[in-house]
Amino acid sequence: MIFDHVIVAVAENPTKKYDFTVDERTAMLKEIIKDYDNIEVDQFSGLLVQYAENIGAVTIIRGLRALSDFEYELELALMNRHLNEKVDTIFMMTSEHYSFIRSSLVKEVARLGGNISDKVPPVVEKYLMKRFN
């Protein structure tokens, strides 16, 4: 509702451990956003602010679940501004329904056979169940 066009950028970061490959994460996101004409999914490696500049984006949207997220996200936003002052960062708060959700918590519940259907989209639930069962 705020932007005419949104790109969900999936990072390929070799220093971070992911349970799903960049291609799997991209595929899940493409399934989730398939009904939206103004959203696309793309992959990148390197600095997010450089990726944003390369595609002509002027804003990075970062999500906040709780106050504990803010300090880390602020550090990233300030570093991105230092690297490129033409690209702004805005923060958006999650719904209270998801405010306590961490991927590690959802994965642990899925690994132990718990119900995560109201915490993740169906395609993510399918990938997690396939991975852990």
C-alpha atoms as a PDB file:
ATOM      1  CA  MET A   1       0.000   0.000   0.000  1.00  0.00           C
ATOM      2  CA  ILE A   2       2.959   2.338   0.529  1.00  0.00           C
ATOM      3  CA  PHE A   3       5.028   1.502  -2.553  1.00  0.00           C
ATOM      4  CA  ASP A   4       4.005   0.973  -6.177  1.00  0.00           C
ATOM      5  CA  HIS A   5       6.550  -1.806  -6.598  1.00  0.00           C
ATOM      6  CA  VAL A   6       8.384  -3.957  -4.041  1.00  0.00           C
ATOM      7  CA  ILE A   7      11.299  -6.319  -4.583  1.00  0.00           C
ATOM      8  CA  VAL A   8      11.854  -8.962  -1.925  1.00  0.00           C
ATOM      9  CA  ALA A   9      15.611  -9.494  -2.066  1.00  0.00           C
ATOM     10  CA  VAL A  10      16.933 -12.866  -0.930  1.00  0.00           C
ATOM     11  CA  ALA A  11      20.514 -12.631   0.290  1.00  0.00           C
ATOM     12  CA  GLU A  12      23.180 -15.167  -0.476  1.00  0.00           C
ATOM     13  CA  ASN A  13      25.533 -14.810   2.472  1.00  0.00           C
ATOM     14  CA  PRO A  14      28.209 -17.534   2.676  1.00  0.00           C
ATOM     15  CA  THR A  15      29.045 -16.633   6.295  1.00  0.00           C
ATOM     16  CA  LYS A  16      25.521 -17.373   7.515  1.00  0.00           C
ATOM     17  CA  LYS A  17      24.090 -20.863   7.997  1.00  0.00           C
ATOM     18  CA  TYR A  18      20.726 -21.368   6.320  1.00  0.00           C
ATOM     19  CA  ASP A  19      18.478 -24.420   6.453  1.00  0.00           C
ATOM     20  CA  PHE A  20      17.381 -23.717   2.889  1.00  0.00           C
ATOM     21  CA  THR A  21      19.396 -22.704  -0.138  1.00  0.00           C
ATOM     22  CA  VAL A  22      18.962 -19.305  -1.734  1.00  0.00           C
ATOM     23  CA  ASP A  23      17.041 -21.014  -4.547  1.00  0.00           C
ATOM     24  CA  GLU A  24      14.704 -22.774  -2.090  1.00  0.00           C
ATOM     25  CA  ARG A  25      14.066 -19.532  -0.174  1.00  0.00           C
ATOM     26  CA  THR A  26      13.428 -17.721  -3.453  1.00  0.00           C
ATOM     27  CA  ALA A  27      11.004 -20.426  -4.602  1.00  0.00           C
ATOM     28  CA  MET A  28       9.052 -20.225  -1.332  1.00  0.00           C
ATOM     29  CA  LEU A  29       8.777 -16.453  -1.562  1.00  0.00           C
ATOM     30  CA  LYS A  30       7.684 -16.585  -5.201  1.00  0.00           C
ATOM     31  CA  GLU A  31       4.888 -18.956  -4.206  1.00  0.00           C
ATOM     32  CA  ILE A  32       3.849 -16.688  -1.325  1.00  0.00           C
ATOM     33  CA  ILE A  33       3.657 -13.515  -3.455  1.00  0.00           C
ATOM     34  CA  LYS A  34       2.277 -15.081  -6.653  1.00  0.00           C
ATOM     35  CA  ASP A  35      -1.042 -13.218  -6.394  1.00  0.00           C
ATOM     36  CA  TYR A  36       0.578  -9.766  -6.150  1.00  0.00           C
ATOM     37  CA  ASP A  37       1.351  -7.979  -9.408  1.00  0.00           C
ATOM     38  CA  ASN A  38       3.532  -5.325  -7.784  1.00  0.00           C
ATOM     39  CA  ILE A  39       5.879  -7.627  -5.836  1.00  0.00           C
ATOM     40  CA  GLU A  40       8.794  -9.595  -7.244  1.00  0.00           C
ATOM     41  CA  VAL A  41      11.487 -11.779  -5.721  1.00  0.00           C
ATOM     42  CA  ASP A  42      15.167 -11.494  -6.617  1.00  0.00           C
ATOM     43  CA  GLN A  43      18.473 -12.838  -5.307  1.00  0.00           C
ATOM     44  CA  PHE A  44      21.671 -10.991  -4.551  1.00  0.00           C
ATOM     45  CA  SER A  45      25.037 -11.395  -2.894  1.00  0.00           C
ATOM     46  CA  GLY A  46      27.184  -8.677  -1.406  1.00  0.00           C
ATOM     47  CA  LEU A  47      25.970  -5.506   0.233  1.00  0.00           C
ATOM     48  CA  LEU A  48      22.234  -4.865   0.271  1.00  0.00           C
ATOM     49  CA  VAL A  49      22.730  -1.130  -0.199  1.00  0.00           C
ATOM     50  CA  GLN A  50      24.804  -1.771  -3.348  1.00  0.00           C
ATOM     51  CA  TYR A  51      22.133  -4.129  -4.649  1.00  0.00           C
ATOM     52  CA  ALA A  52      19.497  -1.458  -3.984  1.00  0.00           C
ATOM     53  CA  GLU A  53      21.494   1.128  -5.906  1.00  0.00           C
ATOM     54  CA  ASN A  54      22.114  -1.290  -8.792  1.00  0.00           C
ATOM     55  CA  ILE A  55      18.391  -1.890  -9.293  1.00  0.00           C
ATOM     56  CA  GLY A  56      17.447   1.758  -8.792  1.00  0.00           C
ATOM     57  CA  ALA A  57      15.759   1.330  -5.417  1.00  0.00           C
ATOM     58  CA  VAL A  58      15.672   4.317  -3.097  1.00  0.00           C
ATOM     59  CA  THR A  59      14.286   2.595   0.008  1.00  0.00           C
ATOM     60  CA  ILE A  60      15.126  -0.523   1.989  1.00  0.00           C
ATOM     61  CA  ILE A  61      12.320  -1.875   4.165  1.00  0.00           C
ATOM     62  CA  ARG A  62      13.339  -3.748   7.300  1.00  0.00           C
ATOM     63  CA  GLY A  63      10.971  -5.501   9.671  1.00  0.00           C
ATOM     64  CA  LEU A  64      10.911  -5.182  13.438  1.00  0.00           C
ATOM     65  CA  ARG A  65       9.311  -7.732  15.743  1.00  0.00           C
ATOM     66  CA  ALA A  66      10.340  -6.372  19.114  1.00  0.00           C
ATOM     67  CA  LEU A  67      12.480  -3.712  20.714  1.00  0.00           C
ATOM     68  CA  SER A  68      15.361  -6.194  20.790  1.00  0.00           C
ATOM     69  CA  ASP A  69      15.486  -6.083  16.950  1.00  0.00           C
ATOM     70  CA  PHE A  70      15.823  -2.314  16.852  1.00  0.00           C
ATOM     71  CA  GLU A  71      19.451  -1.908  17.952  1.00  0.00           C
ATOM     72  CA  TYR A  72      20.772  -4.341  15.339  1.00  0.00           C
ATOM     73  CA  GLU A  73      18.559  -2.922  12.590  1.00  0.00           C
ATOM     74  CA  LEU A  74      19.571   0.633  13.493  1.00  0.00           C
ATOM     75  CA  GLU A  75      23.251  -0.307  13.172  1.00  0.00           C
ATOM     76  CA  LEU A  76      22.589  -1.776   9.721  1.00  0.00           C
ATOM     77  CA  ALA A  77      20.592   1.259   8.624  1.00  0.00           C
ATOM     78  CA  LEU A  78      23.282   3.671   9.778  1.00  0.00           C
ATOM     79  CA  MET A  79      26.019   1.679   8.035  1.00  0.00           C
ATOM     80  CA  ASN A  80      23.940   1.563   4.857  1.00  0.00           C
ATOM     81  CA  ARG A  81      23.454   5.327   5.060  1.00  0.00           C
ATOM     82  CA  HIS A  82      27.222   5.731   5.509  1.00  0.00           C
ATOM     83  CA  LEU A  83      27.817   3.577   2.416  1.00  0.00           C
ATOM     84  CA  ASN A  84      25.151   5.283   0.302  1.00  0.00           C
ATOM     85  CA  GLU A  85      23.172   8.252   1.565  1.00  0.00           C
ATOM     86  CA  LYS A  86      20.832   8.105  -1.455  1.00  0.00           C
ATOM     87  CA  VAL A  87      19.186   4.902  -0.184  1.00  0.00           C
ATOM     88  CA  ASP A  88      16.948   5.293   2.878  1.00  0.00           C
ATOM     89  CA  THR A  89      15.860   2.599   5.318  1.00  0.00           C
ATOM     90  CA  ILE A  90      12.418   2.447   6.856  1.00  0.00           C
ATOM     91  CA  PHE A  91      11.289   0.112   9.606  1.00  0.00           C
ATOM     92  CA  MET A  92       7.908  -1.597   9.670  1.00  0.00           C
ATOM     93  CA  MET A  93       6.444  -3.300  12.710  1.00  0.00           C
ATOM     94  CA  THR A  94       5.037  -6.798  12.458  1.00  0.00           C
ATOM     95  CA  SER A  95       1.579  -7.802  13.549  1.00  0.00           C
ATOM     96  CA  GLU A  96       1.419  -8.747  17.225  1.00  0.00           C
ATOM     97  CA  HIS A  97       0.464 -12.261  16.052  1.00  0.00           C
ATOM     98  CA  TYR A  98       4.044 -12.725  14.776  1.00  0.00           C
ATOM     99  CA  SER A  99       5.933 -10.517  17.244  1.00  0.00           C
ATOM    100  CA  PHE A 100       7.453 -13.404  19.202  1.00  0.00           C
ATOM    101  CA  ILE A 101       8.235 -15.623  16.201  1.00  0.00           C
ATOM    102  CA  ARG A 102      11.861 -16.449  15.464  1.00  0.00           C
ATOM    103  CA  SER A 103      12.820 -18.815  12.674  1.00  0.00           C
ATOM    104  CA  SER A 104      14.782 -20.970  15.119  1.00  0.00           C
ATOM    105  CA  LEU A 105      11.672 -21.375  17.297  1.00  0.00           C
ATOM    106  CA  VAL A 106       9.460 -22.304  14.341  1.00  0.00           C
ATOM    107  CA  LYS A 107      12.071 -24.772  13.055  1.00  0.00           C
ATOM    108  CA  GLU A 108      12.371 -26.400  16.490  1.00  0.00           C
ATOM    109  CA  VAL A 109       8.593 -26.836  16.762  1.00  0.00           C
ATOM    110  CA  ALA A 110       8.501 -28.278  13.228  1.00  0.00           C
ATOM    111  CA  ARG A 111      11.449 -30.571  13.973  1.00  0.00           C
ATOM    112  CA  LEU A 112       9.583 -31.941  16.998  1.00  0.00           C
ATOM    113  CA  GLY A 113       6.370 -32.464  15.027  1.00  0.00           C
ATOM    114  CA  GLY A 114       4.403 -29.496  16.383  1.00  0.00           C
ATOM    115  CA  ASN A 115       1.776 -27.507  14.547  1.00  0.00           C
ATOM    116  CA  ILE A 116       3.201 -24.404  12.836  1.00  0.00           C
ATOM    117  CA  SER A 117       0.380 -23.888  10.343  1.00  0.00           C
ATOM    118  CA  ASP A 118      -0.739 -20.593  11.872  1.00  0.00           C
ATOM    119  CA  LYS A 119       2.816 -19.218  12.043  1.00  0.00           C
ATOM    120  CA  VAL A 120       4.098 -19.711   8.477  1.00  0.00           C
ATOM    121  CA  PRO A 121       2.595 -19.745   4.979  1.00  0.00           C
ATOM    122  CA  PRO A 122       1.565 -23.218   3.707  1.00  0.00           C
ATOM    123  CA  VAL A 123       4.508 -23.455   1.300  1.00  0.00           C
ATOM    124  CA  VAL A 124       6.984 -22.819   4.133  1.00  0.00           C
ATOM    125  CA  GLU A 125       5.257 -25.389   6.321  1.00  0.00           C
ATOM    126  CA  LYS A 126       5.548 -27.907   3.467  1.00  0.00           C
ATOM    127  CA  TYR A 127       9.287 -27.238   3.046  1.00  0.00           C
ATOM    128  CA  LEU A 128       9.896 -27.490   6.802  1.00  0.00           C
ATOM    129  CA  MET A 129       7.939 -30.709   7.192  1.00  0.00           C
ATOM    130  CA  LYS A 130       9.775 -32.225   4.229  1.00  0.00           C
ATOM    131  CA  ARG A 131      13.121 -31.142   5.693  1.00  0.00           C
ATOM    132  CA  PHE A 132      12.513 -32.456   9.199  1.00  0.00           C
ATOM    133  CA  ASN A 133      10.474 -35.593   8.585  1.00  0.00           C
END
